[in-house]
Amino acid sequence: MGFSDRFEQTEPSRADVDALPGPTVLEFGAPWCGYCQSAAPLIASAFATYPHVRHLKVEDGKGQPLGRSFRVKLWPTLIFLAHGEERERLVRPTDQVAIERALAHIATDELDSTAIRASE
């Protein structure tokens, strides 16, 4: 779990993504994309505080089903999920603080869910 600097070898299916437990960030982009390369250090720094959040880098492109199912149009697009549900989205992020805020949001959702399950 945690930050990944490599694109997934195989794109996960939408059903697999929807079934992911806990907090997850999907990062859609391409290794040759200049915007993606510029955002990479910001994303890596933001994840340093959230090593328990799963990070999946998905190489996107024309006709890729996962990116189309999330209606990705620009790279990088970060989709912040809690238990498979989209909670936030950042497109072409240029602000590390915005990434950290979104990470905190899904990490807090995870803590809230854990506390609710423990009290039942």
Protein backbone atom coordinates (compact mmCIF):
# COMPACT_ATOMS: atom_id res chain seq x y z
CA MET A 1 0.00 0.00 0.00
CA GLY A 2 0.99 3.64 -0.09
CA PHE A 3 2.52 5.76 -2.82
CA SER A 4 3.58 4.11 -6.06
CA ASP A 5 5.82 5.74 -8.63
CA ARG A 6 5.07 3.13 -11.31
CA PHE A 7 2.10 2.65 -13.55
CA GLU A 8 0.14 -0.57 -13.06
CA GLN A 9 1.11 -3.36 -15.45
CA THR A 10 -2.55 -4.29 -15.89
CA GLU A 11 -5.41 -1.84 -15.59
CA PRO A 12 -7.85 -2.96 -12.87
CA SER A 13 -11.50 -3.37 -13.80
CA ARG A 14 -14.09 -0.88 -12.60
CA ALA A 15 -15.69 -3.64 -10.52
CA ASP A 16 -12.34 -4.29 -8.80
CA VAL A 17 -11.89 -0.58 -8.07
CA ASP A 18 -15.45 -0.23 -6.76
CA ALA A 19 -14.77 -3.14 -4.36
CA LEU A 20 -11.52 -1.72 -2.92
CA PRO A 21 -11.66 -1.41 0.85
CA GLY A 22 -10.42 1.70 2.62
CA PRO A 23 -8.91 4.86 1.16
CA THR A 24 -7.49 4.75 -2.38
CA VAL A 25 -6.24 7.30 -4.88
CA LEU A 26 -6.42 6.51 -8.58
CA GLU A 27 -3.98 8.58 -10.61
CA PHE A 28 -4.71 8.62 -14.33
CA GLY A 29 -1.96 9.78 -16.64
CA ALA A 30 0.88 8.67 -18.89
CA PRO A 31 4.64 8.38 -18.32
CA TRP A 32 5.40 10.80 -21.17
CA CYS A 33 2.87 13.46 -20.04
CA GLY A 34 4.58 16.70 -19.01
CA TYR A 35 1.74 17.68 -16.65
CA CYS A 36 2.05 14.27 -14.97
CA GLN A 37 5.80 14.67 -14.60
CA SER A 38 5.35 18.13 -13.06
CA ALA A 39 2.76 16.90 -10.56
CA ALA A 40 4.69 13.76 -9.55
CA PRO A 41 6.85 15.38 -6.81
CA LEU A 42 3.79 17.13 -5.32
CA ILE A 43 1.87 13.86 -5.21
CA ALA A 44 4.80 11.96 -3.70
CA SER A 45 5.30 14.60 -1.00
CA ALA A 46 1.61 14.64 -0.13
CA PHE A 47 1.58 10.85 0.25
CA ALA A 48 4.49 10.94 2.71
CA THR A 49 2.03 11.76 5.50
CA TYR A 50 -0.49 9.12 4.37
CA PRO A 51 1.43 5.85 3.83
CA HIS A 52 -1.70 3.79 4.58
CA VAL A 53 -3.61 5.22 1.60
CA ARG A 54 -3.45 2.98 -1.47
CA HIS A 55 -2.18 4.71 -4.63
CA LEU A 56 -2.79 3.19 -8.06
CA LYS A 57 -1.20 4.83 -11.09
CA VAL A 58 -3.20 3.92 -14.17
CA GLU A 59 -1.77 4.60 -17.61
CA ASP A 60 -4.66 6.15 -19.44
CA GLY A 61 -5.33 6.65 -23.10
CA LYS A 62 -7.93 6.58 -25.80
CA GLY A 63 -10.30 3.70 -25.31
CA GLN A 64 -9.02 2.66 -21.88
CA PRO A 65 -12.15 1.47 -20.08
CA LEU A 66 -11.29 2.48 -16.51
CA GLY A 67 -10.45 6.08 -17.42
CA ARG A 68 -13.59 6.35 -19.54
CA SER A 69 -15.74 4.97 -16.71
CA PHE A 70 -14.48 7.83 -14.52
CA ARG A 71 -14.84 10.34 -17.40
CA VAL A 72 -11.17 11.30 -17.28
CA LYS A 73 -10.36 13.97 -19.86
CA LEU A 74 -7.09 15.57 -18.68
CA TRP A 75 -3.95 14.19 -17.05
CA PRO A 76 -3.09 13.78 -14.35
CA THR A 77 -6.46 13.24 -12.78
CA LEU A 78 -6.47 12.11 -9.15
CA ILE A 79 -9.61 10.39 -7.94
CA PHE A 80 -9.89 10.00 -4.19
CA LEU A 81 -11.97 7.00 -3.16
CA ALA A 82 -13.24 5.76 0.18
CA HIS A 83 -14.41 2.14 0.01
CA GLY A 84 -14.71 2.36 -3.78
CA GLU A 85 -16.78 5.56 -3.80
CA GLU A 86 -15.44 8.77 -5.29
CA ARG A 87 -15.16 11.49 -2.66
CA GLU A 88 -12.99 14.07 -4.42
CA ARG A 89 -11.19 14.69 -7.70
CA LEU A 90 -8.26 16.89 -8.63
CA VAL A 91 -7.38 17.56 -12.26
CA ARG A 92 -3.85 18.71 -13.09
CA PRO A 93 -3.00 19.52 -9.47
CA THR A 94 -0.37 22.20 -8.90
CA ASP A 95 -0.85 22.60 -5.15
CA GLN A 96 0.49 20.03 -2.70
CA VAL A 97 -1.81 21.36 0.03
CA ALA A 98 -4.89 20.57 -2.09
CA ILE A 99 -3.66 17.00 -2.53
CA GLU A 100 -3.01 16.69 1.21
CA ARG A 101 -6.50 18.03 1.99
CA ALA A 102 -8.11 15.45 -0.28
CA LEU A 103 -5.97 12.69 1.23
CA ALA A 104 -6.97 13.81 4.72
CA HIS A 105 -10.62 13.68 3.69
CA ILE A 106 -10.51 10.02 2.61
CA ALA A 107 -8.18 9.05 5.48
CA THR A 108 -10.65 10.61 7.92
CA ASP A 109 -13.51 8.71 6.25
CA GLU A 110 -11.55 5.52 6.90
CA LEU A 111 -11.01 6.39 10.57
CA ASP A 112 -14.72 7.25 10.97
CA SER A 113 -15.76 3.95 9.37
CA THR A 114 -13.39 1.98 11.61
CA ALA A 115 -14.76 3.71 14.73
CA ILE A 116 -18.36 2.99 13.70
CA ARG A 117 -17.60 -0.71 13.08
CA ALA A 118 -15.80 -0.98 16.44
CA SER A 119 -18.76 0.50 18.32
CA GLU A 120 -21.29 -1.93 16.80
